[in-house]
């Protein structure tokens, strides 16, 4: 079993176009993970960390 992982820190996206990081992750988080899975073969876990410290994780 592959246990490689990647963590994405989204702090730089705070309040982009009036959205908070949590808003962006809520709407686009699964899409982010899906795109990463298609490009980063061998990555088993994608974790998104928002500026508020919230952690969201997807198992690939």
N, C-alpha and C. Protein backbone atom coordinates (compact mmCIF):
# COMPACT_ATOMS: atom_id res chain seq x y z
N UNK A 1 0.83 -1.18 0.00
CA UNK A 1 0.00 0.00 0.00
C UNK A 1 0.88 1.25 0.00
N UNK A 2 0.56 2.19 -0.83
CA UNK A 2 1.32 3.43 -0.92
C UNK A 2 0.79 4.42 0.11
N UNK A 3 1.69 4.96 0.94
CA UNK A 3 1.24 5.91 1.95
C UNK A 3 1.81 7.30 1.72
N UNK A 4 2.25 7.58 0.49
CA UNK A 4 2.73 8.92 0.16
C UNK A 4 1.59 9.92 0.29
N UNK A 5 1.93 11.15 0.61
CA UNK A 5 0.88 12.16 0.76
C UNK A 5 1.40 13.52 0.32
N UNK A 6 0.48 14.42 0.10
CA UNK A 6 0.81 15.81 -0.22
C UNK A 6 -0.12 16.70 0.59
N UNK A 7 0.42 17.82 1.07
CA UNK A 7 -0.38 18.79 1.81
C UNK A 7 -0.37 20.10 1.04
N UNK A 8 -1.54 20.68 0.87
CA UNK A 8 -1.68 21.96 0.17
C UNK A 8 -2.07 23.01 1.21
N UNK A 9 -1.29 24.07 1.29
CA UNK A 9 -1.63 25.17 2.19
C UNK A 9 -2.25 26.28 1.35
N UNK A 10 -3.47 26.65 1.66
CA UNK A 10 -4.21 27.59 0.84
C UNK A 10 -4.25 29.01 1.42
N UNK A 11 -3.33 29.34 2.30
CA UNK A 11 -3.35 30.64 2.95
C UNK A 11 -3.36 31.79 1.95
N UNK A 12 -2.66 31.64 0.84
CA UNK A 12 -2.55 32.73 -0.12
C UNK A 12 -3.85 33.02 -0.84
N UNK A 13 -4.86 32.17 -0.69
CA UNK A 13 -6.13 32.37 -1.36
C UNK A 13 -7.17 33.05 -0.48
N UNK A 14 -6.77 33.53 0.68
CA UNK A 14 -7.72 34.21 1.57
C UNK A 14 -8.43 35.34 0.86
N UNK A 15 -9.74 35.33 0.97
CA UNK A 15 -10.58 36.42 0.49
C UNK A 15 -10.40 36.77 -0.98
N UNK A 16 -10.08 35.78 -1.80
CA UNK A 16 -10.00 36.00 -3.24
C UNK A 16 -11.41 36.21 -3.77
N UNK A 17 -11.63 37.31 -4.43
CA UNK A 17 -12.95 37.64 -4.98
C UNK A 17 -14.05 37.55 -3.93
N UNK A 18 -13.71 37.90 -2.69
CA UNK A 18 -14.70 37.90 -1.62
C UNK A 18 -14.92 36.55 -0.97
N UNK A 19 -14.23 35.52 -1.46
CA UNK A 19 -14.37 34.19 -0.88
C UNK A 19 -13.34 33.98 0.22
N UNK A 20 -13.73 33.26 1.23
CA UNK A 20 -12.75 32.85 2.23
C UNK A 20 -12.14 31.53 1.77
N UNK A 21 -11.05 31.15 2.41
CA UNK A 21 -10.42 29.87 2.07
C UNK A 21 -11.40 28.73 2.26
N UNK A 22 -12.15 28.76 3.36
CA UNK A 22 -13.11 27.68 3.60
C UNK A 22 -14.16 27.61 2.49
N UNK A 23 -14.59 28.78 1.97
CA UNK A 23 -15.54 28.79 0.86
C UNK A 23 -14.94 28.11 -0.37
N UNK A 24 -13.68 28.45 -0.67
CA UNK A 24 -13.03 27.87 -1.84
C UNK A 24 -12.88 26.36 -1.69
N UNK A 25 -12.45 25.93 -0.51
CA UNK A 25 -12.26 24.50 -0.29
C UNK A 25 -13.60 23.77 -0.34
N UNK A 26 -14.61 24.37 0.25
CA UNK A 26 -15.93 23.74 0.26
C UNK A 26 -16.44 23.53 -1.16
N UNK A 27 -16.22 24.52 -2.03
CA UNK A 27 -16.71 24.42 -3.40
C UNK A 27 -15.77 23.66 -4.33
N UNK A 28 -14.46 23.78 -4.09
CA UNK A 28 -13.51 23.27 -5.07
C UNK A 28 -12.55 22.22 -4.53
N UNK A 29 -12.68 21.87 -3.27
CA UNK A 29 -11.74 20.94 -2.66
C UNK A 29 -11.66 19.59 -3.36
N UNK A 30 -12.80 19.01 -3.66
CA UNK A 30 -12.79 17.70 -4.32
C UNK A 30 -12.20 17.82 -5.72
N UNK A 31 -12.46 18.92 -6.39
CA UNK A 31 -11.88 19.15 -7.71
C UNK A 31 -10.36 19.26 -7.62
N UNK A 32 -9.87 19.96 -6.59
CA UNK A 32 -8.42 20.07 -6.38
C UNK A 32 -7.83 18.68 -6.21
N UNK A 33 -8.44 17.87 -5.36
CA UNK A 33 -7.93 16.53 -5.10
C UNK A 33 -7.98 15.67 -6.36
N UNK A 34 -9.05 15.78 -7.13
CA UNK A 34 -9.19 14.99 -8.36
C UNK A 34 -8.10 15.32 -9.35
N UNK A 35 -7.83 16.62 -9.55
CA UNK A 35 -6.77 17.02 -10.47
C UNK A 35 -5.41 16.55 -9.99
N UNK A 36 -5.15 16.65 -8.70
CA UNK A 36 -3.87 16.20 -8.18
C UNK A 36 -3.70 14.70 -8.37
N UNK A 37 -4.76 13.94 -8.15
CA UNK A 37 -4.66 12.49 -8.34
C UNK A 37 -4.29 12.16 -9.78
N UNK A 38 -4.80 12.94 -10.73
CA UNK A 38 -4.53 12.63 -12.13
C UNK A 38 -3.10 12.98 -12.53
N UNK A 39 -2.46 13.90 -11.80
CA UNK A 39 -1.11 14.32 -12.16
C UNK A 39 -0.03 13.72 -11.28
N UNK A 40 -0.36 13.40 -10.05
CA UNK A 40 0.63 12.94 -9.09
C UNK A 40 0.41 11.47 -8.78
N UNK A 41 0.79 10.63 -9.72
CA UNK A 41 0.63 9.19 -9.54
C UNK A 41 1.48 8.75 -8.35
N UNK A 42 0.92 7.91 -7.52
CA UNK A 42 1.64 7.42 -6.35
C UNK A 42 1.32 8.19 -5.08
N UNK A 43 0.57 9.27 -5.19
CA UNK A 43 0.17 10.02 -4.00
C UNK A 43 -1.10 9.37 -3.46
N UNK A 44 -1.05 8.96 -2.21
CA UNK A 44 -2.18 8.25 -1.63
C UNK A 44 -3.15 9.17 -0.90
N UNK A 45 -2.63 10.26 -0.36
CA UNK A 45 -3.47 11.15 0.43
C UNK A 45 -3.24 12.59 0.00
N UNK A 46 -4.33 13.32 -0.19
CA UNK A 46 -4.25 14.76 -0.47
C UNK A 46 -4.90 15.47 0.71
N UNK A 47 -4.15 16.35 1.35
CA UNK A 47 -4.67 17.09 2.49
C UNK A 47 -4.64 18.57 2.16
N UNK A 48 -5.75 19.25 2.41
CA UNK A 48 -5.83 20.69 2.21
C UNK A 48 -5.92 21.34 3.58
N UNK A 49 -5.04 22.32 3.82
CA UNK A 49 -5.03 23.03 5.09
C UNK A 49 -5.42 24.48 4.82
N UNK A 50 -6.49 24.94 5.45
CA UNK A 50 -6.93 26.32 5.24
C UNK A 50 -6.22 27.26 6.20
N UNK A 51 -6.37 28.54 5.98
CA UNK A 51 -5.71 29.53 6.83
C UNK A 51 -6.22 29.49 8.26
N UNK A 52 -7.39 28.94 8.46
CA UNK A 52 -7.93 28.83 9.82
C UNK A 52 -7.45 27.57 10.52
N UNK A 53 -6.62 26.78 9.83
CA UNK A 53 -6.10 25.56 10.42
C UNK A 53 -6.98 24.34 10.16
N UNK A 54 -8.07 24.53 9.45
CA UNK A 54 -8.96 23.41 9.14
C UNK A 54 -8.26 22.47 8.18
N UNK A 55 -8.33 21.19 8.44
CA UNK A 55 -7.69 20.18 7.59
C UNK A 55 -8.75 19.31 6.95
N UNK A 56 -8.66 19.20 5.63
CA UNK A 56 -9.56 18.33 4.87
C UNK A 56 -8.70 17.32 4.15
N UNK A 57 -9.07 16.06 4.19
CA UNK A 57 -8.23 15.02 3.62
C UNK A 57 -9.03 14.13 2.69
N UNK A 58 -8.41 13.77 1.57
CA UNK A 58 -8.99 12.81 0.63
C UNK A 58 -8.04 11.66 0.47
N UNK A 59 -8.57 10.46 0.53
CA UNK A 59 -7.79 9.25 0.23
C UNK A 59 -7.92 8.99 -1.25
N UNK A 60 -6.80 8.81 -1.91
CA UNK A 60 -6.82 8.57 -3.36
C UNK A 60 -7.05 7.10 -3.66
